Amino acid sequence: MPNPSRLRDSTQIELPARSLDGLRDQVEAEYTVTILQDDPAQCRIVGSPVEIKAVSSFLSRHGISLP
């Protein structure tokens, strides 16, 4: 059985909400992900491992570093 924390890391990205300023619409249009924002300062991008990897690359190309 897979490790839950590893599975979670491969299916979501957590980052400050302001990091997506100007990029949120593009992320939602180009990738099959859901962007959740329970906290005004924090958001999560949730999707399949393939989509999360692609979104991570996209964010990196736009200067957003991920933990």
PDB file of N, CA and C in Angstrom:
ATOM      1  N   MET A   1       0.839  -1.174   0.000  1.00  0.00           N
ATOM      2  CA  MET A   1       0.000   0.000   0.000  1.00  0.00           C
ATOM      3  C   MET A   1       0.889   1.245   0.000  1.00  0.00           C
ATOM      4  N   PRO A   2       0.526   2.260  -0.791  1.00  0.00           N
ATOM      5  CA  PRO A   2       1.355   3.462  -0.859  1.00  0.00           C
ATOM      6  C   PRO A   2       1.308   4.276   0.436  1.00  0.00           C
ATOM      7  N   ASN A   3       2.358   4.995   0.662  1.00  0.00           N
ATOM      8  CA  ASN A   3       2.460   5.886   1.809  1.00  0.00           C
ATOM      9  C   ASN A   3       1.524   7.082   1.573  1.00  0.00           C
ATOM     10  N   PRO A   4       0.583   7.366   2.496  1.00  0.00           N
ATOM     11  CA  PRO A   4      -0.379   8.458   2.293  1.00  0.00           C
ATOM     12  C   PRO A   4       0.262   9.823   2.055  1.00  0.00           C
ATOM     13  N   SER A   5       1.330  10.144   2.763  1.00  0.00           N
ATOM     14  CA  SER A   5       1.946  11.458   2.572  1.00  0.00           C
ATOM     15  C   SER A   5       2.604  11.559   1.205  1.00  0.00           C
ATOM     16  N   ARG A   6       3.164  10.477   0.729  1.00  0.00           N
ATOM     17  CA  ARG A   6       3.772  10.501  -0.610  1.00  0.00           C
ATOM     18  C   ARG A   6       2.700  10.638  -1.685  1.00  0.00           C
ATOM     19  N   LEU A   7       1.593   9.939  -1.508  1.00  0.00           N
ATOM     20  CA  LEU A   7       0.487  10.039  -2.454  1.00  0.00           C
ATOM     21  C   LEU A   7      -0.057  11.465  -2.457  1.00  0.00           C
ATOM     22  N   ARG A   8      -0.237  12.058  -1.289  1.00  0.00           N
ATOM     23  CA  ARG A   8      -0.734  13.431  -1.180  1.00  0.00           C
ATOM     24  C   ARG A   8       0.211  14.400  -1.878  1.00  0.00           C
ATOM     25  N   ASP A   9       1.515  14.214  -1.701  1.00  0.00           N
ATOM     26  CA  ASP A   9       2.492  15.094  -2.341  1.00  0.00           C
ATOM     27  C   ASP A   9       2.434  14.997  -3.858  1.00  0.00           C
ATOM     28  N   SER A  10       2.055  13.838  -4.382  1.00  0.00           N
ATOM     29  CA  SER A  10       2.016  13.686  -5.835  1.00  0.00           C
ATOM     30  C   SER A  10       0.684  14.108  -6.432  1.00  0.00           C
ATOM     31  N   THR A  11      -0.299  14.443  -5.598  1.00  0.00           N
ATOM     32  CA  THR A  11      -1.614  14.818  -6.119  1.00  0.00           C
ATOM     33  C   THR A  11      -2.042  16.225  -5.729  1.00  0.00           C
ATOM     34  N   GLN A  12      -1.188  16.964  -5.033  1.00  0.00           N
ATOM     35  CA  GLN A  12      -1.545  18.341  -4.711  1.00  0.00           C
ATOM     36  C   GLN A  12      -0.319  19.212  -4.509  1.00  0.00           C
ATOM     37  N   ILE A  13      -0.527  20.500  -4.713  1.00  0.00           N
ATOM     38  CA  ILE A  13       0.496  21.514  -4.476  1.00  0.00           C
ATOM     39  C   ILE A  13      -0.125  22.521  -3.519  1.00  0.00           C
ATOM     40  N   GLU A  14       0.576  22.843  -2.450  1.00  0.00           N
ATOM     41  CA  GLU A  14       0.128  23.884  -1.532  1.00  0.00           C
ATOM     42  C   GLU A  14       1.058  25.077  -1.696  1.00  0.00           C
ATOM     43  N   LEU A  15       0.451  26.262  -1.824  1.00  0.00           N
ATOM     44  CA  LEU A  15       1.252  27.460  -1.992  1.00  0.00           C
ATOM     45  C   LEU A  15       0.456  28.683  -1.563  1.00  0.00           C
ATOM     46  N   PRO A  16       1.159  29.794  -1.330  1.00  0.00           N
ATOM     47  CA  PRO A  16       0.451  31.030  -0.986  1.00  0.00           C
ATOM     48  C   PRO A  16      -0.478  31.432  -2.132  1.00  0.00           C
ATOM     49  N   ALA A  17      -1.676  31.860  -1.802  1.00  0.00           N
ATOM     50  CA  ALA A  17      -2.672  32.211  -2.818  1.00  0.00           C
ATOM     51  C   ALA A  17      -2.163  33.297  -3.755  1.00  0.00           C
ATOM     52  N   ARG A  18      -1.399  34.240  -3.233  1.00  0.00           N
ATOM     53  CA  ARG A  18      -0.921  35.336  -4.076  1.00  0.00           C
ATOM     54  C   ARG A  18       0.051  34.863  -5.157  1.00  0.00           C
ATOM     55  N   SER A  19       0.604  33.674  -4.993  1.00  0.00           N
ATOM     56  CA  SER A  19       1.512  33.124  -6.004  1.00  0.00           C
ATOM     57  C   SER A  19       0.808  32.912  -7.336  1.00  0.00           C
ATOM     58  N   LEU A  20      -0.499  32.696  -7.281  1.00  0.00           N
ATOM     59  CA  LEU A  20      -1.257  32.439  -8.506  1.00  0.00           C
ATOM     60  C   LEU A  20      -1.827  33.703  -9.140  1.00  0.00           C
ATOM     61  N   ASP A  21      -1.561  34.858  -8.551  1.00  0.00           N
ATOM     62  CA  ASP A  21      -2.054  36.109  -9.130  1.00  0.00           C
ATOM     63  C   ASP A  21      -1.626  36.214 -10.586  1.00  0.00           C
ATOM     64  N   GLY A  22      -2.590  36.375 -11.463  1.00  0.00           N
ATOM     65  CA  GLY A  22      -2.314  36.492 -12.888  1.00  0.00           C
ATOM     66  C   GLY A  22      -2.112  35.168 -13.605  1.00  0.00           C
ATOM     67  N   LEU A  23      -2.055  34.064 -12.868  1.00  0.00           N
ATOM     68  CA  LEU A  23      -1.822  32.753 -13.483  1.00  0.00           C
ATOM     69  C   LEU A  23      -2.970  31.770 -13.255  1.00  0.00           C
ATOM     70  N   ARG A  24      -3.833  32.059 -12.315  1.00  0.00           N
ATOM     71  CA  ARG A  24      -4.883  31.105 -11.932  1.00  0.00           C
ATOM     72  C   ARG A  24      -5.754  30.699 -13.122  1.00  0.00           C
ATOM     73  N   ASP A  25      -6.234  31.666 -13.888  1.00  0.00           N
ATOM     74  CA  ASP A  25      -7.092  31.347 -15.040  1.00  0.00           C
ATOM     75  C   ASP A  25      -6.360  30.473 -16.052  1.00  0.00           C
ATOM     76  N   GLN A  26      -5.096  30.759 -16.285  1.00  0.00           N
ATOM     77  CA  GLN A  26      -4.312  29.976 -17.234  1.00  0.00           C
ATOM     78  C   GLN A  26      -4.108  28.545 -16.733  1.00  0.00           C
ATOM     79  N   VAL A  27      -3.824  28.387 -15.459  1.00  0.00           N
ATOM     80  CA  VAL A  27      -3.651  27.048 -14.880  1.00  0.00           C
ATOM     81  C   VAL A  27      -4.944  26.252 -15.025  1.00  0.00           C
ATOM     82  N   GLU A  28      -6.072  26.871 -14.671  1.00  0.00           N
ATOM     83  CA  GLU A  28      -7.352  26.173 -14.763  1.00  0.00           C
ATOM     84  C   GLU A  28      -7.741  25.852 -16.200  1.00  0.00           C
ATOM     85  N   ALA A  29      -7.342  26.686 -17.152  1.00  0.00           N
ATOM     86  CA  ALA A  29      -7.681  26.456 -18.557  1.00  0.00           C
ATOM     87  C   ALA A  29      -6.805  25.377 -19.197  1.00  0.00           C
ATOM     88  N   GLU A  30      -5.536  25.329 -18.816  1.00  0.00           N
ATOM     89  CA  GLU A  30      -4.598  24.427 -19.479  1.00  0.00           C
ATOM     90  C   GLU A  30      -4.456  23.058 -18.823  1.00  0.00           C
ATOM     91  N   TYR A  31      -4.818  22.950 -17.559  1.00  0.00           N
ATOM     92  CA  TYR A  31      -4.596  21.702 -16.823  1.00  0.00           C
ATOM     93  C   TYR A  31      -5.894  21.230 -16.173  1.00  0.00           C
ATOM     94  N   THR A  32      -6.034  19.927 -16.041  1.00  0.00           N
ATOM     95  CA  THR A  32      -7.209  19.339 -15.405  1.00  0.00           C
ATOM     96  C   THR A  32      -6.944  19.246 -13.905  1.00  0.00           C
ATOM     97  N   VAL A  33      -7.120  20.375 -13.245  1.00  0.00           N
ATOM     98  CA  VAL A  33      -6.888  20.466 -11.802  1.00  0.00           C
ATOM     99  C   VAL A  33      -8.009  21.280 -11.164  1.00  0.00           C
ATOM    100  N   THR A  34      -8.077  21.179  -9.858  1.00  0.00           N
ATOM    101  CA  THR A  34      -8.998  21.983  -9.068  1.00  0.00           C
ATOM    102  C   THR A  34      -8.174  22.850  -8.135  1.00  0.00           C
ATOM    103  N   ILE A  35      -8.509  24.124  -8.067  1.00  0.00           N
ATOM    104  CA  ILE A  35      -7.813  25.020  -7.156  1.00  0.00           C
ATOM    105  C   ILE A  35      -8.755  25.318  -5.995  1.00  0.00           C
ATOM    106  N   LEU A  36      -8.329  24.927  -4.812  1.00  0.00           N
ATOM    107  CA  LEU A  36      -9.115  25.102  -3.591  1.00  0.00           C
ATOM    108  C   LEU A  36      -8.484  26.184  -2.738  1.00  0.00           C
ATOM    109  N   GLN A  37      -9.333  27.028  -2.162  1.00  0.00           N
ATOM    110  CA  GLN A  37      -8.812  28.084  -1.296  1.00  0.00           C
ATOM    111  C   GLN A  37      -9.691  28.190  -0.061  1.00  0.00           C
ATOM    112  N   ASP A  38      -9.379  27.388   0.955  1.00  0.00           N
ATOM    113  CA  ASP A  38     -10.115  27.414   2.218  1.00  0.00           C
ATOM    114  C   ASP A  38      -9.676  28.583   3.091  1.00  0.00           C
ATOM    115  N   ASP A  39      -8.451  29.001   2.908  1.00  0.00           N
ATOM    116  CA  ASP A  39      -7.845  30.080   3.681  1.00  0.00           C
ATOM    117  C   ASP A  39      -7.494  31.191   2.689  1.00  0.00           C
ATOM    118  N   PRO A  40      -7.800  32.452   2.983  1.00  0.00           N
ATOM    119  CA  PRO A  40      -7.505  33.525   2.034  1.00  0.00           C
ATOM    120  C   PRO A  40      -6.025  33.630   1.654  1.00  0.00           C
ATOM    121  N   ALA A  41      -5.147  33.184   2.522  1.00  0.00           N
ATOM    122  CA  ALA A  41      -3.719  33.312   2.259  1.00  0.00           C
ATOM    123  C   ALA A  41      -3.094  32.072   1.624  1.00  0.00           C
ATOM    124  N   GLN A  42      -3.794  30.960   1.621  1.00  0.00           N
ATOM    125  CA  GLN A  42      -3.219  29.684   1.173  1.00  0.00           C
ATOM    126  C   GLN A  42      -4.168  29.011   0.184  1.00  0.00           C
ATOM    127  N   CYS A  43      -3.604  28.311  -0.812  1.00  0.00           N
ATOM    128  CA  CYS A  43      -4.449  27.543  -1.717  1.00  0.00           C
ATOM    129  C   CYS A  43      -3.781  26.204  -2.036  1.00  0.00           C
ATOM    130  N   ARG A  44      -4.608  25.298  -2.548  1.00  0.00           N
ATOM    131  CA  ARG A  44      -4.133  23.977  -2.949  1.00  0.00           C
ATOM    132  C   ARG A  44      -4.567  23.727  -4.379  1.00  0.00           C
ATOM    133  N   ILE A  45      -3.655  23.181  -5.154  1.00  0.00           N
ATOM    134  CA  ILE A  45      -3.964  22.740  -6.511  1.00  0.00           C
ATOM    135  C   ILE A  45      -4.004  21.224  -6.431  1.00  0.00           C
ATOM    136  N   VAL A  46      -5.138  20.639  -6.805  1.00  0.00           N
ATOM    137  CA  VAL A  46      -5.342  19.201  -6.664  1.00  0.00           C
ATOM    138  C   VAL A  46      -5.597  18.605  -8.040  1.00  0.00           C
ATOM    139  N   GLY A  47      -4.939  17.479  -8.316  1.00  0.00           N
ATOM    140  CA  GLY A  47      -5.135  16.795  -9.589  1.00  0.00           C
ATOM    141  C   GLY A  47      -4.393  15.479  -9.604  1.00  0.00           C
ATOM    142  N   SER A  48      -4.385  14.844 -10.742  1.00  0.00           N
ATOM    143  CA  SER A  48      -3.672  13.574 -10.892  1.00  0.00           C
ATOM    144  C   SER A  48      -2.167  13.829 -10.802  1.00  0.00           C
ATOM    145  N   PRO A  49      -1.394  12.798 -10.496  1.00  0.00           N
ATOM    146  CA  PRO A  49       0.057  12.984 -10.433  1.00  0.00           C
ATOM    147  C   PRO A  49       0.647  13.560 -11.725  1.00  0.00           C
ATOM    148  N   VAL A  50       0.117  13.164 -12.858  1.00  0.00           N
ATOM    149  CA  VAL A  50       0.617  13.672 -14.146  1.00  0.00           C
ATOM    150  C   VAL A  50       0.331  15.166 -14.272  1.00  0.00           C
ATOM    151  N   GLU A  51      -0.880  15.572 -13.924  1.00  0.00           N
ATOM    152  CA  GLU A  51      -1.253  16.986 -14.011  1.00  0.00           C
ATOM    153  C   GLU A  51      -0.477  17.824 -12.997  1.00  0.00           C
ATOM    154  N   ILE A  52      -0.302  17.302 -11.798  1.00  0.00           N
ATOM    155  CA  ILE A  52       0.439  18.046 -10.771  1.00  0.00           C
ATOM    156  C   ILE A  52       1.886  18.256 -11.207  1.00  0.00           C
ATOM    157  N   LYS A  53       2.475  17.262 -11.817  1.00  0.00           N
ATOM    158  CA  LYS A  53       3.855  17.407 -12.318  1.00  0.00           C
ATOM    159  C   LYS A  53       3.907  18.490 -13.396  1.00  0.00           C
ATOM    160  N   ALA A  54       2.927  18.494 -14.291  1.00  0.00           N
ATOM    161  CA  ALA A  54       2.893  19.497 -15.360  1.00  0.00           C
ATOM    162  C   ALA A  54       2.677  20.902 -14.787  1.00  0.00           C
ATOM    163  N   VAL A  55       1.778  21.029 -13.823  1.00  0.00           N
ATOM    164  CA  VAL A  55       1.531  22.335 -13.194  1.00  0.00           C
ATOM    165  C   VAL A  55       2.778  22.801 -12.443  1.00  0.00           C
ATOM    166  N   SER A  56       3.467  21.890 -11.788  1.00  0.00           N
ATOM    167  CA  SER A  56       4.712  22.247 -11.086  1.00  0.00           C
ATOM    168  C   SER A  56       5.726  22.821 -12.060  1.00  0.00           C
ATOM    169  N   SER A  57       5.865  22.191 -13.209  1.00  0.00           N
ATOM    170  CA  SER A  57       6.790  22.691 -14.238  1.00  0.00           C
ATOM    171  C   SER A  57       6.350  24.063 -14.733  1.00  0.00           C
ATOM    172  N   PHE A  58       5.053  24.229 -14.977  1.00  0.00           N
ATOM    173  CA  PHE A  58       4.505  25.504 -15.428  1.00  0.00           C
ATOM    174  C   PHE A  58       4.820  26.602 -14.408  1.00  0.00           C
ATOM    175  N   LEU A  59       4.535  26.332 -13.140  1.00  0.00           N
ATOM    176  CA  LEU A  59       4.787  27.325 -12.095  1.00  0.00           C
ATOM    177  C   LEU A  59       6.272  27.661 -11.993  1.00  0.00           C
ATOM    178  N   SER A  60       7.122  26.669 -12.117  1.00  0.00           N
ATOM    179  CA  SER A  60       8.565  26.892 -12.062  1.00  0.00           C
ATOM    180  C   SER A  60       9.014  27.788 -13.209  1.00  0.00           C
ATOM    181  N   ARG A  61       8.456  27.561 -14.398  1.00  0.00           N
ATOM    182  CA  ARG A  61       8.803  28.404 -15.554  1.00  0.00           C
ATOM    183  C   ARG A  61       8.359  29.856 -15.353  1.00  0.00           C
ATOM    184  N   HIS A  62       7.378  30.057 -14.500  1.00  0.00           N
ATOM    185  CA  HIS A  62       6.893  31.409 -14.224  1.00  0.00           C
ATOM    186  C   HIS A  62       7.465  31.975 -12.919  1.00  0.00           C
ATOM    187  N   GLY A  63       8.535  31.379 -12.430  1.00  0.00           N
ATOM    188  CA  GLY A  63       9.268  31.922 -11.291  1.00  0.00           C
ATOM    189  C   GLY A  63       8.693  31.613  -9.924  1.00  0.00           C
ATOM    190  N   ILE A  64       7.803  30.646  -9.853  1.00  0.00           N
ATOM    191  CA  ILE A  64       7.222  30.281  -8.565  1.00  0.00           C
ATOM    192  C   ILE A  64       7.931  29.039  -8.061  1.00  0.00           C
ATOM    193  N   SER A  65       8.662  29.182  -6.957  1.00  0.00           N
ATOM    194  CA  SER A  65       9.378  28.039  -6.400  1.00  0.00           C
ATOM    195  C   SER A  65       8.462  27.269  -5.468  1.00  0.00           C
ATOM    196  N   LEU A  66       8.544  25.959  -5.551  1.00  0.00           N
ATOM    197  CA  LEU A  66       7.714  25.077  -4.733  1.00  0.00           C
ATOM    198  C   LEU A  66       8.581  24.358  -3.724  1.00  0.00           C
ATOM    199  N   PRO A  67       8.006  24.099  -2.542  1.00  0.00           N
ATOM    200  CA  PRO A  67       8.794  23.394  -1.511  1.00  0.00           C
ATOM    201  C   PRO A  67       9.087  21.964  -1.892  1.00  0.00           C
TER     202      PRO A  67
END
